[in-house]
Amino acid sequence: MIKVGFFADIRTMVGTKEITMPLRPTLGLLMEDLNSKFGKNFRDFCMDGDKISKRVNILVNGHHMLHLQKDDTPLKDGDDVRIFPLIGGG
């Protein structure tokens, strides 16, 4: 199982702080499952075509997906995935 946490506007969109999802081999495949579970608004916000959007930051066990293998980041049982909207300021 994979623990998935949601933050800020994404948490509001999905209506929960955290869920547990069945293990999928990659982050991209987990996101496909989350798209199916949470629907069009989630998919439109978190995805850019079939890739994860640059509008979201995703951490896998505390490491940003961009420093791993992006959509192809392998997952293993017990991993912790955190999904944040991109936050900017200035």
PDB file of N, CA and C in Angstrom:
ATOM      1  N   MET A   1       0.839  -1.181   0.000  1.00  0.00           N
ATOM      2  CA  MET A   1       0.000   0.000   0.000  1.00  0.00           C
ATOM      3  C   MET A   1       0.887   1.250   0.000  1.00  0.00           C
ATOM      4  N   ILE A   2       0.355   2.312  -0.568  1.00  0.00           N
ATOM      5  CA  ILE A   2       1.038   3.599  -0.651  1.00  0.00           C
ATOM      6  C   ILE A   2       0.203   4.621   0.120  1.00  0.00           C
ATOM      7  N   LYS A   3       0.843   5.379   0.989  1.00  0.00           N
ATOM      8  CA  LYS A   3       0.157   6.454   1.702  1.00  0.00           C
ATOM      9  C   LYS A   3       0.292   7.720   0.862  1.00  0.00           C
ATOM     10  N   VAL A   4      -0.845   8.388   0.598  1.00  0.00           N
ATOM     11  CA  VAL A   4      -0.859   9.599  -0.221  1.00  0.00           C
ATOM     12  C   VAL A   4      -1.467  10.733   0.595  1.00  0.00           C
ATOM     13  N   GLY A   5      -0.710  11.822   0.744  1.00  0.00           N
ATOM     14  CA  GLY A   5      -1.193  12.996   1.463  1.00  0.00           C
ATOM     15  C   GLY A   5      -1.417  14.154   0.507  1.00  0.00           C
ATOM     16  N   PHE A   6      -2.424  14.953   0.813  1.00  0.00           N
ATOM     17  CA  PHE A   6      -2.799  16.086  -0.033  1.00  0.00           C
ATOM     18  C   PHE A   6      -2.713  17.376   0.779  1.00  0.00           C
ATOM     19  N   PHE A   7      -2.343  18.478   0.127  1.00  0.00           N
ATOM     20  CA  PHE A   7      -2.139  19.743   0.815  1.00  0.00           C
ATOM     21  C   PHE A   7      -2.800  20.894   0.068  1.00  0.00           C
ATOM     22  N   ALA A   8      -3.177  21.919   0.834  1.00  0.00           N
ATOM     23  CA  ALA A   8      -3.712  23.189   0.325  1.00  0.00           C
ATOM     24  C   ALA A   8      -4.920  22.954  -0.586  1.00  0.00           C
ATOM     25  N   ASP A   9      -4.948  23.598  -1.761  1.00  0.00           N
ATOM     26  CA  ASP A   9      -6.107  23.506  -2.650  1.00  0.00           C
ATOM     27  C   ASP A   9      -6.385  22.080  -3.106  1.00  0.00           C
ATOM     28  N   ILE A  10      -5.358  21.272  -3.220  1.00  0.00           N
ATOM     29  CA  ILE A  10      -5.571  19.883  -3.644  1.00  0.00           C
ATOM     30  C   ILE A  10      -6.325  19.128  -2.553  1.00  0.00           C
ATOM     31  N   ARG A  11      -6.006  19.386  -1.289  1.00  0.00           N
ATOM     32  CA  ARG A  11      -6.731  18.753  -0.182  1.00  0.00           C
ATOM     33  C   ARG A  11      -8.206  19.131  -0.239  1.00  0.00           C
ATOM     34  N   THR A  12      -8.483  20.399  -0.486  1.00  0.00           N
ATOM     35  CA  THR A  12      -9.872  20.855  -0.597  1.00  0.00           C
ATOM     36  C   THR A  12     -10.568  20.160  -1.762  1.00  0.00           C
ATOM     37  N   MET A  13      -9.877  20.030  -2.875  1.00  0.00           N
ATOM     38  CA  MET A  13     -10.436  19.412  -4.075  1.00  0.00           C
ATOM     39  C   MET A  13     -10.822  17.949  -3.838  1.00  0.00           C
ATOM     40  N   VAL A  14      -9.956  17.193  -3.154  1.00  0.00           N
ATOM     41  CA  VAL A  14     -10.213  15.763  -2.970  1.00  0.00           C
ATOM     42  C   VAL A  14     -11.025  15.476  -1.708  1.00  0.00           C
ATOM     43  N   GLY A  15     -11.086  16.441  -0.788  1.00  0.00           N
ATOM     44  CA  GLY A  15     -11.919  16.289   0.396  1.00  0.00           C
ATOM     45  C   GLY A  15     -11.339  15.438   1.508  1.00  0.00           C
ATOM     46  N   THR A  16     -10.034  15.209   1.479  1.00  0.00           N
ATOM     47  CA  THR A  16      -9.409  14.420   2.533  1.00  0.00           C
ATOM     48  C   THR A  16      -7.942  14.815   2.673  1.00  0.00           C
ATOM     49  N   LYS A  17      -7.406  14.582   3.850  1.00  0.00           N
ATOM     50  CA  LYS A  17      -6.003  14.897   4.120  1.00  0.00           C
ATOM     51  C   LYS A  17      -5.075  13.798   3.608  1.00  0.00           C
ATOM     52  N   GLU A  18      -5.530  12.549   3.707  1.00  0.00           N
ATOM     53  CA  GLU A  18      -4.648  11.423   3.390  1.00  0.00           C
ATOM     54  C   GLU A  18      -5.479  10.194   3.051  1.00  0.00           C
ATOM     55  N   ILE A  19      -4.969   9.393   2.131  1.00  0.00           N
ATOM     56  CA  ILE A  19      -5.591   8.114   1.798  1.00  0.00           C
ATOM     57  C   ILE A  19      -4.499   7.064   1.633  1.00  0.00           C
ATOM     58  N   THR A  20      -4.917   5.826   1.591  1.00  0.00           N
ATOM     59  CA  THR A  20      -4.029   4.713   1.275  1.00  0.00           C
ATOM     60  C   THR A  20      -4.490   4.125  -0.052  1.00  0.00           C
ATOM     61  N   MET A  21      -3.538   3.925  -0.958  1.00  0.00           N
ATOM     62  CA  MET A  21      -3.839   3.390  -2.286  1.00  0.00           C
ATOM     63  C   MET A  21      -3.075   2.089  -2.496  1.00  0.00           C
ATOM     64  N   PRO A  22      -3.616   1.207  -3.342  1.00  0.00           N
ATOM     65  CA  PRO A  22      -2.883  -0.016  -3.679  1.00  0.00           C
ATOM     66  C   PRO A  22      -1.552   0.322  -4.346  1.00  0.00           C
ATOM     67  N   LEU A  23      -0.579  -0.524  -4.127  1.00  0.00           N
ATOM     68  CA  LEU A  23       0.747  -0.346  -4.717  1.00  0.00           C
ATOM     69  C   LEU A  23       0.660  -0.366  -6.238  1.00  0.00           C
ATOM     70  N   ARG A  24       1.318   0.597  -6.868  1.00  0.00           N
ATOM     71  CA  ARG A  24       1.501   0.646  -8.315  1.00  0.00           C
ATOM     72  C   ARG A  24       3.000   0.735  -8.562  1.00  0.00           C
ATOM     73  N   PRO A  25       3.507   0.230  -9.697  1.00  0.00           N
ATOM     74  CA  PRO A  25       4.952   0.193  -9.907  1.00  0.00           C
ATOM     75  C   PRO A  25       5.613   1.561 -10.069  1.00  0.00           C
ATOM     76  N   THR A  26       4.871   2.576 -10.548  1.00  0.00           N
ATOM     77  CA  THR A  26       5.484   3.894 -10.753  1.00  0.00           C
ATOM     78  C   THR A  26       4.561   5.006 -10.259  1.00  0.00           C
ATOM     79  N   LEU A  27       5.150   6.166 -10.055  1.00  0.00           N
ATOM     80  CA  LEU A  27       4.388   7.340  -9.642  1.00  0.00           C
ATOM     81  C   LEU A  27       3.347   7.714 -10.697  1.00  0.00           C
ATOM     82  N   GLY A  28       3.703   7.636 -11.962  1.00  0.00           N
ATOM     83  CA  GLY A  28       2.754   7.951 -13.034  1.00  0.00           C
ATOM     84  C   GLY A  28       1.526   7.061 -12.998  1.00  0.00           C
ATOM     85  N   LEU A  29       1.716   5.771 -12.736  1.00  0.00           N
ATOM     86  CA  LEU A  29       0.576   4.854 -12.658  1.00  0.00           C
ATOM     87  C   LEU A  29      -0.261   5.118 -11.413  1.00  0.00           C
ATOM     88  N   LEU A  30       0.376   5.478 -10.309  1.00  0.00           N
ATOM     89  CA  LEU A  30      -0.381   5.872  -9.118  1.00  0.00           C
ATOM     90  C   LEU A  30      -1.236   7.098  -9.432  1.00  0.00           C
ATOM     91  N   MET A  31      -0.668   8.074 -10.146  1.00  0.00           N
ATOM     92  CA  MET A  31      -1.436   9.271 -10.502  1.00  0.00           C
ATOM     93  C   MET A  31      -2.621   8.918 -11.393  1.00  0.00           C
ATOM     94  N   GLU A  32      -2.480   7.946 -12.285  1.00  0.00           N
ATOM     95  CA  GLU A  32      -3.619   7.494 -13.094  1.00  0.00           C
ATOM     96  C   GLU A  32      -4.734   6.984 -12.192  1.00  0.00           C
ATOM     97  N   ASP A  33      -4.382   6.208 -11.168  1.00  0.00           N
ATOM     98  CA  ASP A  33      -5.386   5.706 -10.226  1.00  0.00           C
ATOM     99  C   ASP A  33      -6.051   6.850  -9.467  1.00  0.00           C
ATOM    100  N   LEU A  34      -5.257   7.839  -9.054  1.00  0.00           N
ATOM    101  CA  LEU A  34      -5.821   8.992  -8.348  1.00  0.00           C
ATOM    102  C   LEU A  34      -6.730   9.799  -9.274  1.00  0.00           C
ATOM    103  N   ASN A  35      -6.368   9.922 -10.543  1.00  0.00           N
ATOM    104  CA  ASN A  35      -7.232  10.598 -11.518  1.00  0.00           C
ATOM    105  C   ASN A  35      -8.578   9.900 -11.609  1.00  0.00           C
ATOM    106  N   SER A  36      -8.566   8.577 -11.661  1.00  0.00           N
ATOM    107  CA  SER A  36      -9.814   7.815 -11.730  1.00  0.00           C
ATOM    108  C   SER A  36     -10.637   7.993 -10.461  1.00  0.00           C
ATOM    109  N   LYS A  37      -9.971   8.012  -9.328  1.00  0.00           N
ATOM    110  CA  LYS A  37     -10.665   8.125  -8.040  1.00  0.00           C
ATOM    111  C   LYS A  37     -11.268   9.509  -7.838  1.00  0.00           C
ATOM    112  N   PHE A  38     -10.532  10.567  -8.192  1.00  0.00           N
ATOM    113  CA  PHE A  38     -10.958  11.927  -7.861  1.00  0.00           C
ATOM    114  C   PHE A  38     -11.529  12.717  -9.035  1.00  0.00           C
ATOM    115  N   GLY A  39     -11.425  12.205 -10.252  1.00  0.00           N
ATOM    116  CA  GLY A  39     -12.136  12.800 -11.372  1.00  0.00           C
ATOM    117  C   GLY A  39     -11.453  13.949 -12.097  1.00  0.00           C
ATOM    118  N   LYS A  40     -12.273  14.606 -12.924  1.00  0.00           N
ATOM    119  CA  LYS A  40     -11.798  15.588 -13.887  1.00  0.00           C
ATOM    120  C   LYS A  40     -11.076  16.778 -13.254  1.00  0.00           C
ATOM    121  N   ASN A  41     -11.606  17.350 -12.189  1.00  0.00           N
ATOM    122  CA  ASN A  41     -10.952  18.518 -11.585  1.00  0.00           C
ATOM    123  C   ASN A  41      -9.544  18.177 -11.109  1.00  0.00           C
ATOM    124  N   PHE A  42      -9.396  17.022 -10.470  1.00  0.00           N
ATOM    125  CA  PHE A  42      -8.078  16.581 -10.011  1.00  0.00           C
ATOM    126  C   PHE A  42      -7.154  16.364 -11.207  1.00  0.00           C
ATOM    127  N   ARG A  43      -7.652  15.658 -12.202  1.00  0.00           N
ATOM    128  CA  ARG A  43      -6.858  15.355 -13.401  1.00  0.00           C
ATOM    129  C   ARG A  43      -6.435  16.651 -14.109  1.00  0.00           C
ATOM    130  N   ASP A  44      -7.374  17.577 -14.284  1.00  0.00           N
ATOM    131  CA  ASP A  44      -7.054  18.830 -14.976  1.00  0.00           C
ATOM    132  C   ASP A  44      -6.007  19.642 -14.221  1.00  0.00           C
ATOM    133  N   PHE A  45      -6.043  19.594 -12.894  1.00  0.00           N
ATOM    134  CA  PHE A  45      -5.093  20.357 -12.096  1.00  0.00           C
ATOM    135  C   PHE A  45      -3.724  19.679 -12.037  1.00  0.00           C
ATOM    136  N   CYS A  46      -3.718  18.362 -11.875  1.00  0.00           N
ATOM    137  CA  CYS A  46      -2.475  17.635 -11.584  1.00  0.00           C
ATOM    138  C   CYS A  46      -1.767  17.057 -12.803  1.00  0.00           C
ATOM    139  N   MET A  47      -2.442  17.021 -13.934  1.00  0.00           N
ATOM    140  CA  MET A  47      -1.850  16.379 -15.100  1.00  0.00           C
ATOM    141  C   MET A  47      -1.739  17.359 -16.266  1.00  0.00           C
ATOM    142  N   ASP A  48      -0.752  17.120 -17.107  1.00  0.00           N
ATOM    143  CA  ASP A  48      -0.574  17.831 -18.365  1.00  0.00           C
ATOM    144  C   ASP A  48      -0.506  16.748 -19.429  1.00  0.00           C
ATOM    145  N   GLY A  49      -1.648  16.448 -20.016  1.00  0.00           N
ATOM    146  CA  GLY A  49      -1.730  15.294 -20.910  1.00  0.00           C
ATOM    147  C   GLY A  49      -1.581  14.026 -20.094  1.00  0.00           C
ATOM    148  N   ASP A  50      -0.607  13.200 -20.461  1.00  0.00           N
ATOM    149  CA  ASP A  50      -0.394  11.958 -19.708  1.00  0.00           C
ATOM    150  C   ASP A  50       0.784  12.065 -18.739  1.00  0.00           C
ATOM    151  N   LYS A  51       1.302  13.273 -18.541  1.00  0.00           N
ATOM    152  CA  LYS A  51       2.421  13.501 -17.613  1.00  0.00           C
ATOM    153  C   LYS A  51       1.947  14.333 -16.426  1.00  0.00           C
ATOM    154  N   ILE A  52       2.662  14.240 -15.331  1.00  0.00           N
ATOM    155  CA  ILE A  52       2.349  15.035 -14.153  1.00  0.00           C
ATOM    156  C   ILE A  52       2.659  16.499 -14.453  1.00  0.00           C
ATOM    157  N   SER A  53       1.718  17.373 -14.108  1.00  0.00           N
ATOM    158  CA  SER A  53       1.831  18.802 -14.398  1.00  0.00           C
ATOM    159  C   SER A  53       2.914  19.474 -13.561  1.00  0.00           C
ATOM    160  N   LYS A  54       3.459  20.548 -14.113  1.00  0.00           N
ATOM    161  CA  LYS A  54       4.412  21.371 -13.364  1.00  0.00           C
ATOM    162  C   LYS A  54       3.701  22.234 -12.324  1.00  0.00           C
ATOM    163  N   ARG A  55       2.352  22.207 -12.299  1.00  0.00           N
ATOM    164  CA  ARG A  55       1.583  22.946 -11.294  1.00  0.00           C
ATOM    165  C   ARG A  55       1.570  22.251  -9.942  1.00  0.00           C
ATOM    166  N   VAL A  56       2.106  21.035  -9.882  1.00  0.00           N
ATOM    167  CA  VAL A  56       2.123  20.313  -8.608  1.00  0.00           C
ATOM    168  C   VAL A  56       3.549  19.911  -8.245  1.00  0.00           C
ATOM    169  N   ASN A  57       3.781  19.859  -6.956  1.00  0.00           N
ATOM    170  CA  ASN A  57       5.029  19.320  -6.414  1.00  0.00           C
ATOM    171  C   ASN A  57       4.682  18.002  -5.749  1.00  0.00           C
ATOM    172  N   ILE A  58       5.415  16.963  -6.083  1.00  0.00           N
ATOM    173  CA  ILE A  58       5.167  15.652  -5.490  1.00  0.00           C
ATOM    174  C   ILE A  58       6.452  15.158  -4.846  1.00  0.00           C
ATOM    175  N   LEU A  59       6.326  14.789  -3.582  1.00  0.00           N
ATOM    176  CA  LEU A  59       7.442  14.208  -2.841  1.00  0.00           C
ATOM    177  C   LEU A  59       7.174  12.726  -2.642  1.00  0.00           C
ATOM    178  N   VAL A  60       8.197  11.924  -2.844  1.00  0.00           N
ATOM    179  CA  VAL A  60       8.139  10.487  -2.558  1.00  0.00           C
ATOM    180  C   VAL A  60       9.154  10.230  -1.459  1.00  0.00           C
ATOM    181  N   ASN A  61       8.659   9.851  -0.301  1.00  0.00           N
ATOM    182  CA  ASN A  61       9.512   9.640   0.874  1.00  0.00           C
ATOM    183  C   ASN A  61      10.409  10.856   1.141  1.00  0.00           C
ATOM    184  N   GLY A  62       9.835  12.059   0.952  1.00  0.00           N
ATOM    185  CA  GLY A  62      10.554  13.292   1.241  1.00  0.00           C
ATOM    186  C   GLY A  62      11.447  13.807   0.132  1.00  0.00           C
ATOM    187  N   HIS A  63      11.494  13.121  -0.997  1.00  0.00           N
ATOM    188  CA  HIS A  63      12.339  13.529  -2.127  1.00  0.00           C
ATOM    189  C   HIS A  63      11.461  13.991  -3.287  1.00  0.00           C
ATOM    190  N   HIS A  64      11.775  15.165  -3.835  1.00  0.00           N
ATOM    191  CA  HIS A  64      10.985  15.708  -4.938  1.00  0.00           C
ATOM    192  C   HIS A  64      11.121  14.808  -6.161  1.00  0.00           C
ATOM    193  N   MET A  65       9.979  14.579  -6.834  1.00  0.00           N
ATOM    194  CA  MET A  65       9.970  13.685  -8.001  1.00  0.00           C
ATOM    195  C   MET A  65      10.940  14.138  -9.089  1.00  0.00           C
ATOM    196  N   LEU A  66      11.221  15.449  -9.188  1.00  0.00           N
ATOM    197  CA  LEU A  66      12.154  15.938 -10.210  1.00  0.00           C
ATOM    198  C   LEU A  66      13.581  15.490  -9.938  1.00  0.00           C
ATOM    199  N   HIS A  67      13.878  15.158  -8.677  1.00  0.00           N
ATOM    200  CA  HIS A  67      15.211  14.667  -8.315  1.00  0.00           C
ATOM    201  C   HIS A  67      15.257  13.141  -8.325  1.00  0.00           C
ATOM    202  N   LEU A  68      14.131  12.535  -8.663  1.00  0.00           N
ATOM    203  CA  LEU A  68      14.056  11.073  -8.787  1.00  0.00           C
ATOM    204  C   LEU A  68      13.915  10.769 -10.280  1.00  0.00           C
ATOM    205  N   GLN A  69      12.869  10.045 -10.653  1.00  0.00           N
ATOM    206  CA  GLN A  69      12.683   9.698 -12.067  1.00  0.00           C
ATOM    207  C   GLN A  69      11.356  10.230 -12.607  1.00  0.00           C
ATOM    208  N   LYS A  70      10.898  11.356 -12.035  1.00  0.00           N
ATOM    209  CA  LYS A  70       9.660  12.024 -12.453  1.00  0.00           C
ATOM    210  C   LYS A  70       8.507  11.024 -12.468  1.00  0.00           C
ATOM    211  N   ASP A  71       7.744  10.969 -13.562  1.00  0.00           N
ATOM    212  CA  ASP A  71       6.595  10.057 -13.655  1.00  0.00           C
ATOM    213  C   ASP A  71       7.014   8.587 -13.528  1.00  0.00           C
ATOM    214  N   ASP A  72       8.246   8.291 -13.901  1.00  0.00           N
ATOM    215  CA  ASP A  72       8.737   6.910 -13.879  1.00  0.00           C
ATOM    216  C   ASP A  72       9.360   6.518 -12.541  1.00  0.00           C
ATOM    217  N   THR A  73       9.234   7.371 -11.526  1.00  0.00           N
ATOM    218  CA  THR A  73       9.779   7.054 -10.204  1.00  0.00           C
ATOM    219  C   THR A  73       9.176   5.745  -9.709  1.00  0.00           C
ATOM    220  N   PRO A  74      10.006   4.739  -9.420  1.00  0.00           N
ATOM    221  CA  PRO A  74       9.464   3.475  -8.925  1.00  0.00           C
ATOM    222  C   PRO A  74       8.915   3.632  -7.509  1.00  0.00           C
ATOM    223  N   LEU A  75       7.848   2.914  -7.233  1.00  0.00           N
ATOM    224  CA  LEU A  75       7.248   2.901  -5.899  1.00  0.00           C
ATOM    225  C   LEU A  75       7.359   1.508  -5.312  1.00  0.00           C
ATOM    226  N   LYS A  76       7.430   1.465  -3.977  1.00  0.00           N
ATOM    227  CA  LYS A  76       7.443   0.171  -3.285  1.00  0.00           C
ATOM    228  C   LYS A  76       6.457   0.236  -2.127  1.00  0.00           C
ATOM    229  N   ASP A  77       6.062  -0.915  -1.651  1.00  0.00           N
ATOM    230  CA  ASP A  77       5.096  -1.001  -0.567  1.00  0.00           C
ATOM    231  C   ASP A  77       5.556  -0.158   0.620  1.00  0.00           C
ATOM    232  N   GLY A  78       4.645   0.649   1.153  1.00  0.00           N
ATOM    233  CA  GLY A  78       4.946   1.476   2.307  1.00  0.00           C
ATOM    234  C   GLY A  78       5.448   2.871   1.982  1.00  0.00           C
ATOM    235  N   ASP A  79       5.634   3.191   0.692  1.00  0.00           N
ATOM    236  CA  ASP A  79       6.100   4.532   0.330  1.00  0.00           C
ATOM    237  C   ASP A  79       5.088   5.592   0.743  1.00  0.00           C
ATOM    238  N   ASP A  80       5.607   6.800   0.943  1.00  0.00           N
ATOM    239  CA  ASP A  80       4.815   7.956   1.354  1.00  0.00           C
ATOM    240  C   ASP A  80       4.887   9.003   0.246  1.00  0.00           C
ATOM    241  N   VAL A  81       3.740   9.328  -0.352  1.00  0.00           N
ATOM    242  CA  VAL A  81       3.659  10.287  -1.451  1.00  0.00           C
ATOM    243  C   VAL A  81       2.882  11.502  -0.961  1.00  0.00           C
ATOM    244  N   ARG A  82       3.422  12.690  -1.181  1.00  0.00           N
ATOM    245  CA  ARG A  82       2.795  13.949  -0.765  1.00  0.00           C
ATOM    246  C   ARG A  82       2.607  14.826  -1.996  1.00  0.00           C
ATOM    247  N   ILE A  83       1.391  15.348  -2.178  1.00  0.00           N
ATOM    248  CA  ILE A  83       1.057  16.137  -3.364  1.00  0.00           C
ATOM    249  C   ILE A  83       0.666  17.551  -2.933  1.00  0.00           C
ATOM    250  N   PHE A  84       1.412  18.538  -3.437  1.00  0.00           N
ATOM    251  CA  PHE A  84       1.221  19.954  -3.107  1.00  0.00           C
ATOM    252  C   PHE A  84       0.965  20.742  -4.386  1.00  0.00           C
ATOM    253  N   PRO A  85       0.150  21.788  -4.328  1.00  0.00           N
ATOM    254  CA  PRO A  85       0.101  22.696  -5.476  1.00  0.00           C
ATOM    255  C   PRO A  85       1.383  23.521  -5.509  1.00  0.00           C
ATOM    256  N   LEU A  86       1.759  23.971  -6.686  1.00  0.00           N
ATOM    257  CA  LEU A  86       2.908  24.858  -6.826  1.00  0.00           C
ATOM    258  C   LEU A  86       2.591  26.164  -6.111  1.00  0.00           C
ATOM    259  N   ILE A  87       3.506  26.614  -5.291  1.00  0.00           N
ATOM    260  CA  ILE A  87       3.303  27.848  -4.533  1.00  0.00           C
ATOM    261  C   ILE A  87       4.371  28.840  -4.960  1.00  0.00           C
ATOM    262  N   GLY A  88       3.945  30.027  -5.294  1.00  0.00           N
ATOM    263  CA  GLY A  88       4.886  31.064  -5.701  1.00  0.00           C
ATOM    264  C   GLY A  88       4.658  32.325  -4.890  1.00  0.00           C
ATOM    265  N   GLY A  89       5.595  33.166  -4.937  1.00  0.00           N
ATOM    266  CA  GLY A  89       5.464  34.429  -4.222  1.00  0.00           C
ATOM    267  C   GLY A  89       6.566  35.374  -4.647  1.00  0.00           C
ATOM    268  N   GLY A  90       6.533  36.516  -4.069  1.00  0.00           N
ATOM    269  CA  GLY A  90       7.584  37.419  -4.466  1.00  0.00           C
ATOM    270  C   GLY A  90       7.579  38.705  -3.733  1.00  0.00           C
TER     271      GLY A  90
END
